[in-house]
Protein backbone atom coordinates (compact mmCIF):
# COMPACT_ATOMS: atom_id res chain seq x y z
CA MET A 1 22.09 -77.43 -33.81
CA ASP A 2 24.43 -76.32 -36.59
CA ASN A 3 26.97 -73.71 -35.43
CA GLU A 4 25.96 -71.24 -38.14
CA ILE A 5 22.30 -71.53 -37.17
CA VAL A 6 23.25 -70.94 -33.52
CA LYS A 7 25.26 -67.85 -34.49
CA ASN A 8 22.38 -66.38 -36.46
CA VAL A 9 19.84 -67.06 -33.72
CA GLU A 10 22.24 -65.34 -31.31
CA LEU A 11 22.43 -62.33 -33.64
CA ILE A 12 18.68 -61.94 -33.24
CA ASN A 13 18.87 -62.48 -29.47
CA LYS A 14 21.42 -59.68 -29.19
CA LEU A 15 19.11 -57.14 -30.80
CA PRO A 16 17.57 -54.65 -28.33
CA GLY A 17 13.96 -55.36 -27.33
CA LEU A 18 11.90 -57.66 -29.60
CA ILE A 19 11.17 -60.16 -26.81
CA LYS A 20 8.23 -61.76 -28.63
CA VAL A 21 10.14 -61.85 -31.92
CA LYS A 22 13.04 -63.72 -30.30
CA LYS A 23 10.65 -66.26 -28.81
CA GLU A 24 8.88 -66.76 -32.14
CA VAL A 25 12.15 -67.18 -34.05
CA LYS A 26 13.41 -69.78 -31.56
CA SER A 27 10.11 -71.66 -31.83
CA LEU A 28 10.29 -71.53 -35.64
CA VAL A 29 13.89 -72.77 -35.75
CA ASP A 30 13.17 -75.57 -33.27
CA PHE A 31 10.21 -76.70 -35.37
CA LEU A 32 12.16 -76.62 -38.63
CA LEU A 33 15.08 -78.55 -37.13
CA THR A 34 12.77 -81.21 -35.70
CA SER A 35 10.92 -81.47 -39.01
CA LYS A 36 14.24 -81.95 -40.78
CA GLU A 37 15.16 -84.78 -38.39
CA ARG A 38 11.76 -86.43 -38.88
CA GLU A 39 12.20 -86.29 -42.64
CA LYS A 40 15.65 -87.87 -42.32
CA GLU A 41 14.14 -90.75 -40.35
CA GLY A 42 11.50 -91.35 -43.01
CA LEU A 43 8.64 -89.91 -40.98
CA GLY A 44 7.61 -87.49 -43.71
CA ILE A 45 7.21 -83.73 -43.82
CA SER A 46 4.76 -82.10 -41.43
CA ALA A 47 1.62 -80.99 -43.25
CA THR A 48 1.59 -77.79 -41.21
CA ILE A 49 4.99 -76.55 -42.43
CA THR A 50 4.97 -73.16 -44.09
CA ASN A 51 8.25 -71.31 -44.43
CA HIS A 52 6.59 -68.13 -45.68
CA LEU A 53 6.14 -65.49 -42.98
CA ILE A 54 4.13 -62.37 -42.15
CA PHE A 55 6.01 -59.65 -40.26
CA THR A 56 3.69 -57.10 -38.68
CA GLY A 57 4.49 -53.96 -36.74
CA ASN A 58 5.20 -50.26 -36.98
CA PRO A 59 8.13 -48.72 -38.90
CA GLY A 60 11.62 -48.98 -37.44
CA THR A 61 11.01 -52.12 -35.36
CA GLY A 62 13.72 -54.22 -37.02
CA LYS A 63 11.64 -56.23 -39.50
CA THR A 64 14.18 -55.98 -42.34
CA THR A 65 17.13 -56.68 -40.01
CA VAL A 66 15.49 -59.85 -38.68
CA ALA A 67 14.46 -60.90 -42.19
CA ARG A 68 18.09 -60.77 -43.36
CA ILE A 69 19.17 -63.03 -40.51
CA ILE A 70 16.28 -65.44 -41.09
CA ALA A 71 17.31 -65.69 -44.75
CA ASN A 72 20.70 -66.95 -43.53
CA ILE A 73 19.01 -69.41 -41.15
CA TYR A 74 16.84 -70.78 -43.97
CA ARG A 75 19.99 -71.25 -46.07
CA ASP A 76 21.79 -73.04 -43.22
CA LEU A 77 18.76 -75.31 -42.80
CA GLY A 78 19.01 -76.20 -46.49
CA LEU A 79 15.61 -74.71 -47.33
CA ILE A 80 17.17 -72.38 -49.92
CA THR A 81 20.59 -72.51 -51.51
CA GLU A 82 21.75 -68.88 -51.40
CA GLY A 83 20.19 -67.01 -48.48
CA ARG A 84 20.13 -63.44 -49.77
CA LEU A 85 17.24 -61.17 -48.86
CA ILE A 86 15.68 -59.63 -51.98
CA GLU A 87 13.85 -56.49 -50.85
CA ILE A 88 11.04 -55.01 -52.93
CA THR A 89 8.04 -52.70 -52.52
CA ARG A 90 4.94 -51.85 -54.54
CA SER A 91 6.91 -49.38 -56.69
CA ASP A 92 9.10 -52.23 -57.93
CA LEU A 93 6.09 -54.28 -59.02
CA VAL A 94 3.11 -52.18 -60.09
CA PHE A 95 3.13 -50.29 -63.40
CA PRO A 96 0.50 -48.64 -65.63
CA GLY A 97 -0.73 -50.60 -68.58
CA LYS A 98 -2.47 -53.96 -68.70
CA GLY A 99 -0.05 -56.86 -68.35
CA GLU A 100 2.98 -54.69 -67.60
CA THR A 101 2.77 -55.32 -63.85
CA ALA A 102 2.64 -59.11 -64.34
CA LYS A 103 5.69 -58.95 -66.62
CA ARG A 104 7.75 -56.71 -64.31
CA SER A 105 6.70 -58.64 -61.22
CA ALA A 106 7.77 -61.92 -62.80
CA GLU A 107 11.20 -60.43 -63.47
CA ARG A 108 11.54 -59.32 -59.83
CA TYR A 109 10.33 -62.63 -58.43
CA ASN A 110 12.63 -64.54 -60.74
CA ASN A 111 15.60 -62.72 -59.17
CA ALA A 112 14.54 -64.08 -55.79
CA ILE A 113 14.63 -67.76 -56.71
CA ASP A 114 16.83 -69.69 -54.23
CA ASN A 115 16.60 -66.73 -51.84
CA VAL A 116 14.11 -65.00 -49.56
CA LEU A 117 11.81 -62.42 -51.13
CA PHE A 118 10.89 -59.59 -48.74
CA ILE A 119 7.90 -57.45 -49.76
CA ASP A 120 7.69 -54.41 -47.51
CA GLU A 121 4.31 -52.69 -47.07
CA ALA A 122 2.80 -55.58 -49.01
CA TYR A 123 -0.74 -54.41 -48.19
CA THR A 124 -0.28 -51.53 -50.65
CA LEU A 125 -0.61 -54.05 -53.49
CA ILE A 126 -4.37 -53.90 -52.85
CA ASN A 127 -6.07 -50.62 -53.68
CA LYS A 128 -9.82 -51.09 -53.47
CA ASN A 129 -10.39 -47.38 -54.07
CA ASP A 130 -9.04 -47.64 -57.62
CA PRO A 131 -10.78 -50.21 -59.87
CA ASN A 132 -8.02 -49.73 -62.46
CA ASP A 133 -5.18 -50.48 -60.05
CA ASN A 134 -2.84 -53.23 -61.27
CA GLY A 135 -1.68 -54.47 -57.87
CA GLN A 136 -3.72 -57.66 -58.20
CA GLU A 137 -1.54 -58.67 -61.15
CA ALA A 138 1.51 -58.58 -58.84
CA ILE A 139 -0.33 -60.74 -56.29
CA ASP A 140 -1.46 -63.25 -58.92
CA GLU A 141 2.08 -63.51 -60.27
CA LEU A 142 3.44 -63.93 -56.73
CA LEU A 143 1.09 -66.84 -56.00
CA LYS A 144 2.08 -68.46 -59.29
CA PHE A 145 5.78 -68.19 -58.45
CA MET A 146 5.22 -69.53 -54.94
CA GLU A 147 3.55 -72.56 -56.46
CA ASP A 148 5.92 -73.12 -59.41
CA TYR A 149 9.06 -72.63 -57.28
CA ARG A 150 7.74 -73.79 -53.90
CA GLN A 151 11.02 -75.59 -53.14
CA ARG A 152 13.19 -72.66 -54.23
CA ILE A 153 11.63 -69.44 -52.96
CA ILE A 154 10.52 -68.24 -49.53
CA VAL A 155 8.48 -65.08 -49.12
CA ILE A 156 8.20 -62.69 -46.18
CA VAL A 157 5.51 -60.00 -46.42
CA ALA A 158 5.65 -57.07 -44.00
CA GLY A 159 3.60 -54.09 -42.90
CA TYR A 160 1.26 -52.64 -40.29
CA GLU A 161 -0.63 -55.26 -38.28
CA ARG A 162 -4.21 -54.30 -39.20
CA GLU A 163 -3.44 -53.60 -42.86
CA MET A 164 -1.57 -56.90 -43.25
CA SER A 165 -4.51 -58.82 -41.81
CA THR A 166 -6.76 -57.23 -44.42
CA PHE A 167 -4.22 -57.98 -47.15
CA ILE A 168 -3.80 -61.67 -46.31
CA ASN A 169 -7.54 -62.27 -45.86
CA SER A 170 -8.32 -60.64 -49.20
CA ASN A 171 -7.18 -63.69 -51.14
CA ALA A 172 -7.62 -67.40 -50.42
CA GLY A 173 -4.25 -68.12 -52.02
CA LEU A 174 -2.50 -65.80 -49.59
CA VAL A 175 -4.35 -67.29 -46.61
CA SER A 176 -3.26 -70.81 -47.54
CA ARG A 177 0.39 -69.85 -47.98
CA PHE A 178 0.96 -67.36 -45.17
CA LYS A 179 0.07 -69.03 -41.88
CA LYS A 180 2.69 -67.72 -39.47
CA GLU A 181 2.74 -64.13 -38.26
CA ILE A 182 5.50 -62.56 -36.17
CA LEU A 183 4.56 -59.31 -34.41
CA PHE A 184 7.26 -56.68 -33.93
CA GLU A 185 6.28 -54.56 -30.94
CA ASP A 186 7.24 -50.91 -30.54
CA TYR A 187 10.52 -50.20 -28.76
CA LYS A 188 10.33 -48.98 -25.16
CA PHE A 189 12.60 -46.15 -24.00
CA LEU A 190 15.20 -48.56 -22.58
CA ASP A 191 15.36 -50.28 -25.97
CA LEU A 192 16.11 -46.90 -27.56
CA TYR A 193 18.78 -46.33 -24.91
CA GLN A 194 20.48 -49.62 -25.86
CA ILE A 195 20.21 -48.86 -29.58
CA PHE A 196 21.84 -45.46 -29.03
CA TYR A 197 24.81 -47.16 -27.36
CA LYS A 198 25.01 -49.64 -30.24
CA PHE A 199 25.20 -46.73 -32.70
CA CYS A 200 28.01 -45.30 -30.58
CA ARG A 201 29.97 -48.57 -30.58
CA ASP A 202 29.47 -49.08 -34.30
CA ASN A 203 30.65 -45.55 -35.12
CA ASN A 204 33.48 -45.07 -32.58
CA TYR A 205 31.67 -42.69 -30.26
CA ALA A 206 31.31 -42.77 -26.48
CA VAL A 207 28.93 -41.21 -23.95
CA SER A 208 30.31 -39.32 -20.97
CA ASN A 209 29.48 -40.84 -17.59
CA ASP A 210 27.46 -37.86 -16.42
CA ALA A 211 25.26 -38.02 -19.55
CA ASN A 212 23.56 -41.35 -18.91
CA GLU A 213 20.56 -39.94 -17.05
CA SER A 214 20.10 -37.26 -19.69
CA LEU A 215 20.21 -39.94 -22.37
CA ARG A 216 17.55 -42.04 -20.60
CA ASN A 217 15.31 -38.98 -20.26
CA ALA A 218 15.91 -38.12 -23.91
CA CYS A 219 14.79 -41.60 -24.97
CA LYS A 220 11.57 -41.15 -23.01
CA LYS A 221 11.01 -37.75 -24.59
CA ILE A 222 11.54 -39.11 -28.12
CA ILE A 223 8.51 -41.36 -27.64
CA GLU A 224 6.49 -38.51 -26.14
CA VAL A 225 7.22 -35.82 -28.73
CA THR A 226 6.77 -38.05 -31.79
CA GLY A 227 3.40 -39.38 -30.56
CA GLU A 228 1.47 -41.19 -33.29
CA LYS A 229 4.38 -40.57 -35.69
CA TYR A 230 6.80 -42.52 -33.48
CA SER A 231 8.99 -44.65 -35.75
CA ASN A 232 11.08 -46.57 -33.24
CA GLY A 233 14.63 -47.28 -34.44
CA ARG A 234 14.38 -44.63 -37.12
CA ASP A 235 13.74 -41.94 -34.49
CA ILE A 236 16.64 -42.98 -32.25
CA ARG A 237 18.92 -43.02 -35.31
CA ARG A 238 17.74 -39.51 -36.15
CA PHE A 239 18.45 -38.46 -32.57
CA PHE A 240 21.91 -40.05 -32.62
CA GLU A 241 22.76 -38.25 -35.85
CA GLY A 242 21.54 -35.02 -34.26
CA CYS A 243 23.79 -35.59 -31.26
CA ILE A 244 26.92 -36.05 -33.34
CA GLU A 245 26.08 -32.94 -35.35
CA THR A 246 25.68 -31.01 -32.09
CA GLN A 247 28.97 -32.46 -30.86
CA ALA A 248 30.70 -31.43 -34.09
CA SER A 249 29.45 -27.84 -33.71
CA ARG A 250 30.77 -27.76 -30.15
CA LEU A 251 34.15 -29.16 -31.21
CA THR A 252 34.73 -26.48 -33.82
CA LYS A 253 35.35 -24.07 -30.92
CA ILE A 254 38.11 -26.28 -29.50
CA GLU A 255 41.70 -26.22 -30.76
CA ASN A 256 44.07 -29.19 -30.55
CA LYS A 257 41.30 -31.71 -30.09
CA SER A 258 42.28 -35.10 -28.68
CA LYS A 259 40.98 -38.48 -29.82
CA ALA A 260 38.81 -38.58 -26.68
CA ASP A 261 37.34 -35.17 -27.58
CA LEU A 262 36.41 -36.44 -31.04
CA MET A 263 34.74 -39.54 -29.61
CA MET A 264 32.90 -38.14 -26.60
CA ILE A 265 29.21 -37.22 -26.70
CA LYS A 266 28.62 -35.02 -23.67
CA LYS A 267 25.60 -34.28 -21.53
CA LYS A 268 25.07 -30.89 -23.14
CA ASP A 269 25.18 -32.46 -26.63
CA ILE A 270 22.32 -34.76 -25.67
CA GLU A 271 20.29 -32.07 -23.92
CA THR A 272 20.72 -29.56 -26.74
CA THR A 273 19.68 -32.15 -29.32
CA ILE A 274 16.60 -33.41 -27.49
CA ASN A 275 15.42 -29.85 -26.86
CA ASN A 276 15.33 -29.33 -30.65
CA PHE A 277 13.97 -32.78 -31.50
CA ASN A 278 10.56 -33.12 -33.09
């Protein structure tokens, strides 16, 4: 396996949680590598190959992060030449006025040629409650681009599991092109715990030794207090930002602060923050 491909697969493997995602990505990469070797030996291209993907799951589960890495993997496999992730949503595609959506969508899709197009909350392109909605124009234009540039564009559509199933099954063209779904499960409290430490490392903070149990309990409470509104990585980021704000307020009362003081998140910072978290 190419070193760059190995590095990018390892980047995904190092992400907290996402056990099923990691397994699916490895399976996908293994299949694509084998298919490439078969093609090289004159055995043809597998009829089942589809490089387009469906990412399903709740907000904050790492779908965009994984998509960026997969774009690099596709480039390293030679499936696209550039490997950037072009991120768009309904607001980038759908406009009032007949024909305007098709025109604007074509411009957006054209920017994604030789890259990976990532359409977040793709199911919002269908609005059955509004007969005048122009979302179908964006879908029709997408299918046209996927056909006209099938060797030069790869598309990942993302959103909630149930809504994405409805979206894909609403159109035979989507069903035929999007055959592989990767489910991003919600983060457990230990995943949040690991993500918090990653935020600390990335931002030059540390957690005091006596705060670890408080941090674990805080991660459990985040899931409890957010309930149905739980947004995974977004919530732990919000909690981390709250902790460093609490730490900053505490530090204003200290003169001649050391480097360690400026870095250290203490037990009381965590407990104060989680008590005010909602």
